[in-house]
Amino acid sequence: MTRADWLLLVAVIGCLPLLYTHFWSREGVARYLQVQEGNQPARIIDLAPDRELVLEGPLGASGIEIHAGRARFVHSPCPGKNCIQAGWLAAAGELAACLPNRISIQLRGLHPRFDAINF
């Protein structure tokens, strides 16, 4: 390798943290909750007031709790209860879903992340 190759390698490695902070860590703080119920259009709900939502799915009612800028499933009729086990969602981009009941929640911030990279 020549000296120019080494300089280019060092420059690329040095830029990686800057690229990461610019493209992937911008959304950090969650501001909204996106709720998807079956085939209906997604609803955007503000995280500011503490409250509890009841969402109807094919299996029955699922409960979502919003508290202190966080959200979680508190009850759901699905058999595995994986949605409840996901716990509190606190950072923008986090997602919990009750697939048998066709309900999902995701926290959103001011700047959306890249979906193709996250999934």
C-alpha atoms as a PDB file:
ATOM      1  CA  MET A   1       0.000   0.000   0.000  1.00  0.00           C
ATOM      2  CA  THR A   2       1.213   3.476  -0.812  1.00  0.00           C
ATOM      3  CA  ARG A   3       1.195   6.512   1.462  1.00  0.00           C
ATOM      4  CA  ALA A   4      -1.882   7.869  -0.371  1.00  0.00           C
ATOM      5  CA  ASP A   5      -3.753   4.623   0.346  1.00  0.00           C
ATOM      6  CA  TRP A   6      -2.977   4.919   4.057  1.00  0.00           C
ATOM      7  CA  LEU A   7      -4.056   8.580   4.134  1.00  0.00           C
ATOM      8  CA  LEU A   8      -7.317   7.711   2.402  1.00  0.00           C
ATOM      9  CA  LEU A   9      -7.937   4.845   4.833  1.00  0.00           C
ATOM     10  CA  VAL A  10      -7.314   7.084   7.859  1.00  0.00           C
ATOM     11  CA  ALA A  11      -9.585   9.794   6.416  1.00  0.00           C
ATOM     12  CA  VAL A  12     -12.422   7.315   5.818  1.00  0.00           C
ATOM     13  CA  ILE A  13     -12.121   5.799   9.303  1.00  0.00           C
ATOM     14  CA  GLY A  14     -12.006   9.296  10.811  1.00  0.00           C
ATOM     15  CA  CYS A  15     -15.214  10.296   9.002  1.00  0.00           C
ATOM     16  CA  LEU A  16     -17.253   7.274  10.121  1.00  0.00           C
ATOM     17  CA  PRO A  17     -18.240   8.711  13.550  1.00  0.00           C
ATOM     18  CA  LEU A  18     -19.313  11.956  11.897  1.00  0.00           C
ATOM     19  CA  LEU A  19     -21.431  10.102   9.353  1.00  0.00           C
ATOM     20  CA  TYR A  20     -23.004   7.997  12.088  1.00  0.00           C
ATOM     21  CA  THR A  21     -24.004  10.997  14.205  1.00  0.00           C
ATOM     22  CA  HIS A  22     -25.301  12.873  11.170  1.00  0.00           C
ATOM     23  CA  PHE A  23     -27.427  10.098   9.631  1.00  0.00           C
ATOM     24  CA  TRP A  24     -28.392   7.694  12.414  1.00  0.00           C
ATOM     25  CA  SER A  25     -28.595   9.484  15.734  1.00  0.00           C
ATOM     26  CA  ARG A  26     -30.615  12.564  14.783  1.00  0.00           C
ATOM     27  CA  GLU A  27     -34.013  11.271  15.826  1.00  0.00           C
ATOM     28  CA  GLY A  28     -33.147  10.285  19.444  1.00  0.00           C
ATOM     29  CA  VAL A  29     -35.934  12.009  21.395  1.00  0.00           C
ATOM     30  CA  ALA A  30     -39.432  10.688  20.777  1.00  0.00           C
ATOM     31  CA  ARG A  31     -42.200  13.256  20.278  1.00  0.00           C
ATOM     32  CA  TYR A  32     -45.066  11.241  18.786  1.00  0.00           C
ATOM     33  CA  LEU A  33     -46.569   7.772  18.852  1.00  0.00           C
ATOM     34  CA  GLN A  34     -47.537   6.234  15.517  1.00  0.00           C
ATOM     35  CA  VAL A  35     -50.353   3.703  15.933  1.00  0.00           C
ATOM     36  CA  GLN A  36     -51.196   1.223  13.178  1.00  0.00           C
ATOM     37  CA  GLU A  37     -54.431  -0.764  13.470  1.00  0.00           C
ATOM     38  CA  GLY A  38     -54.909  -3.363  10.748  1.00  0.00           C
ATOM     39  CA  ASN A  39     -55.338  -1.824   7.301  1.00  0.00           C
ATOM     40  CA  GLN A  40     -56.405   1.599   8.600  1.00  0.00           C
ATOM     41  CA  PRO A  41     -54.167   4.621   8.029  1.00  0.00           C
ATOM     42  CA  ALA A  42     -51.612   5.194  10.770  1.00  0.00           C
ATOM     43  CA  ARG A  43     -52.549   7.668  13.510  1.00  0.00           C
ATOM     44  CA  ILE A  44     -50.040  10.056  15.053  1.00  0.00           C
ATOM     45  CA  ILE A  45     -50.569  10.771  18.771  1.00  0.00           C
ATOM     46  CA  ASP A  46     -48.690  13.309  20.879  1.00  0.00           C
ATOM     47  CA  LEU A  47     -46.699  11.792  23.756  1.00  0.00           C
ATOM     48  CA  ALA A  48     -47.088  14.851  25.989  1.00  0.00           C
ATOM     49  CA  PRO A  49     -50.266  14.060  27.976  1.00  0.00           C
ATOM     50  CA  ASP A  50     -50.210  10.844  30.020  1.00  0.00           C
ATOM     51  CA  ARG A  51     -53.091   8.582  29.046  1.00  0.00           C
ATOM     52  CA  GLU A  52     -54.206   5.079  28.203  1.00  0.00           C
ATOM     53  CA  LEU A  53     -55.536   4.028  24.798  1.00  0.00           C
ATOM     54  CA  VAL A  54     -57.727   1.043  23.985  1.00  0.00           C
ATOM     55  CA  LEU A  55     -57.262  -0.238  20.438  1.00  0.00           C
ATOM     56  CA  GLU A  56     -59.573  -2.805  18.869  1.00  0.00           C
ATOM     57  CA  GLY A  57     -58.123  -5.604  16.758  1.00  0.00           C
ATOM     58  CA  PRO A  58     -59.461  -8.879  15.350  1.00  0.00           C
ATOM     59  CA  LEU A  59     -58.768 -10.737  18.640  1.00  0.00           C
ATOM     60  CA  GLY A  60     -60.115  -8.012  20.942  1.00  0.00           C
ATOM     61  CA  ALA A  61     -58.896  -4.932  22.780  1.00  0.00           C
ATOM     62  CA  SER A  62     -55.230  -4.051  23.315  1.00  0.00           C
ATOM     63  CA  GLY A  63     -54.254  -1.425  25.889  1.00  0.00           C
ATOM     64  CA  ILE A  64     -51.478   1.117  25.318  1.00  0.00           C
ATOM     65  CA  GLU A  65     -50.123   3.276  28.145  1.00  0.00           C
ATOM     66  CA  ILE A  66     -48.437   6.623  27.449  1.00  0.00           C
ATOM     67  CA  HIS A  67     -46.473   8.079  30.379  1.00  0.00           C
ATOM     68  CA  ALA A  68     -43.594  10.584  30.587  1.00  0.00           C
ATOM     69  CA  GLY A  69     -42.854  10.509  26.848  1.00  0.00           C
ATOM     70  CA  ARG A  70     -42.798   6.692  26.722  1.00  0.00           C
ATOM     71  CA  ALA A  71     -45.310   4.105  25.530  1.00  0.00           C
ATOM     72  CA  ARG A  72     -45.983   0.390  26.078  1.00  0.00           C
ATOM     73  CA  PHE A  73     -48.576  -2.342  25.661  1.00  0.00           C
ATOM     74  CA  VAL A  74     -50.237  -3.028  29.034  1.00  0.00           C
ATOM     75  CA  HIS A  75     -52.686  -5.723  27.965  1.00  0.00           C
ATOM     76  CA  SER A  76     -53.485  -7.642  24.821  1.00  0.00           C
ATOM     77  CA  PRO A  77     -55.532 -10.734  23.902  1.00  0.00           C
ATOM     78  CA  CYS A  78     -52.735 -12.366  21.872  1.00  0.00           C
ATOM     79  CA  PRO A  79     -51.427 -15.751  23.024  1.00  0.00           C
ATOM     80  CA  GLY A  80     -47.670 -15.033  23.305  1.00  0.00           C
ATOM     81  CA  LYS A  81     -47.844 -11.538  24.839  1.00  0.00           C
ATOM     82  CA  ASN A  82     -44.597 -10.546  23.068  1.00  0.00           C
ATOM     83  CA  CYS A  83     -45.957  -7.024  22.654  1.00  0.00           C
ATOM     84  CA  ILE A  84     -46.255  -6.640  26.435  1.00  0.00           C
ATOM     85  CA  GLN A  85     -42.825  -8.178  27.008  1.00  0.00           C
ATOM     86  CA  ALA A  86     -41.271  -5.500  24.769  1.00  0.00           C
ATOM     87  CA  GLY A  87     -41.722  -3.113  27.719  1.00  0.00           C
ATOM     88  CA  TRP A  88     -41.411   0.658  27.579  1.00  0.00           C
ATOM     89  CA  LEU A  89     -40.512   2.277  24.266  1.00  0.00           C
ATOM     90  CA  ALA A  90     -38.524   5.424  25.023  1.00  0.00           C
ATOM     91  CA  ALA A  91     -36.335   6.354  22.018  1.00  0.00           C
ATOM     92  CA  ALA A  92     -37.558   7.444  18.622  1.00  0.00           C
ATOM     93  CA  GLY A  93     -37.660   4.591  16.146  1.00  0.00           C
ATOM     94  CA  GLU A  94     -38.489   1.881  18.706  1.00  0.00           C
ATOM     95  CA  LEU A  95     -41.359  -0.418  17.769  1.00  0.00           C
ATOM     96  CA  ALA A  96     -43.657  -2.936  19.460  1.00  0.00           C
ATOM     97  CA  ALA A  97     -46.282  -4.981  17.652  1.00  0.00           C
ATOM     98  CA  CYS A  98     -49.077  -7.380  18.492  1.00  0.00           C
ATOM     99  CA  LEU A  99     -49.097  -9.243  15.186  1.00  0.00           C
ATOM    100  CA  PRO A 100     -52.007 -11.618  15.931  1.00  0.00           C
ATOM    101  CA  ASN A 101     -54.159  -8.598  16.837  1.00  0.00           C
ATOM    102  CA  ARG A 102     -52.757  -6.522  13.924  1.00  0.00           C
ATOM    103  CA  ILE A 103     -51.736  -3.546  16.092  1.00  0.00           C
ATOM    104  CA  SER A 104     -48.318  -1.875  16.157  1.00  0.00           C
ATOM    105  CA  ILE A 105     -46.919   1.191  17.871  1.00  0.00           C
ATOM    106  CA  GLN A 106     -43.753   3.094  17.006  1.00  0.00           C
ATOM    107  CA  LEU A 107     -42.177   6.170  18.550  1.00  0.00           C
ATOM    108  CA  ARG A 108     -41.357   9.002  16.168  1.00  0.00           C
ATOM    109  CA  GLY A 109     -39.151  12.056  16.464  1.00  0.00           C
ATOM    110  CA  LEU A 110     -38.769  15.180  14.399  1.00  0.00           C
ATOM    111  CA  HIS A 111     -36.476  13.570  11.805  1.00  0.00           C
ATOM    112  CA  PRO A 112     -37.351  10.076  10.522  1.00  0.00           C
ATOM    113  CA  ARG A 113     -34.639   7.437  10.348  1.00  0.00           C
ATOM    114  CA  PHE A 114     -33.786   5.270   7.368  1.00  0.00           C
ATOM    115  CA  ASP A 115     -36.194   2.304   7.375  1.00  0.00           C
ATOM    116  CA  ALA A 116     -34.090   0.156   5.041  1.00  0.00           C
ATOM    117  CA  ILE A 117     -31.147   0.366   7.433  1.00  0.00           C
ATOM    118  CA  ASN A 118     -33.167  -0.313  10.586  1.00  0.00           C
ATOM    119  CA  PHE A 119     -34.981  -3.340   9.256  1.00  0.00           C
END
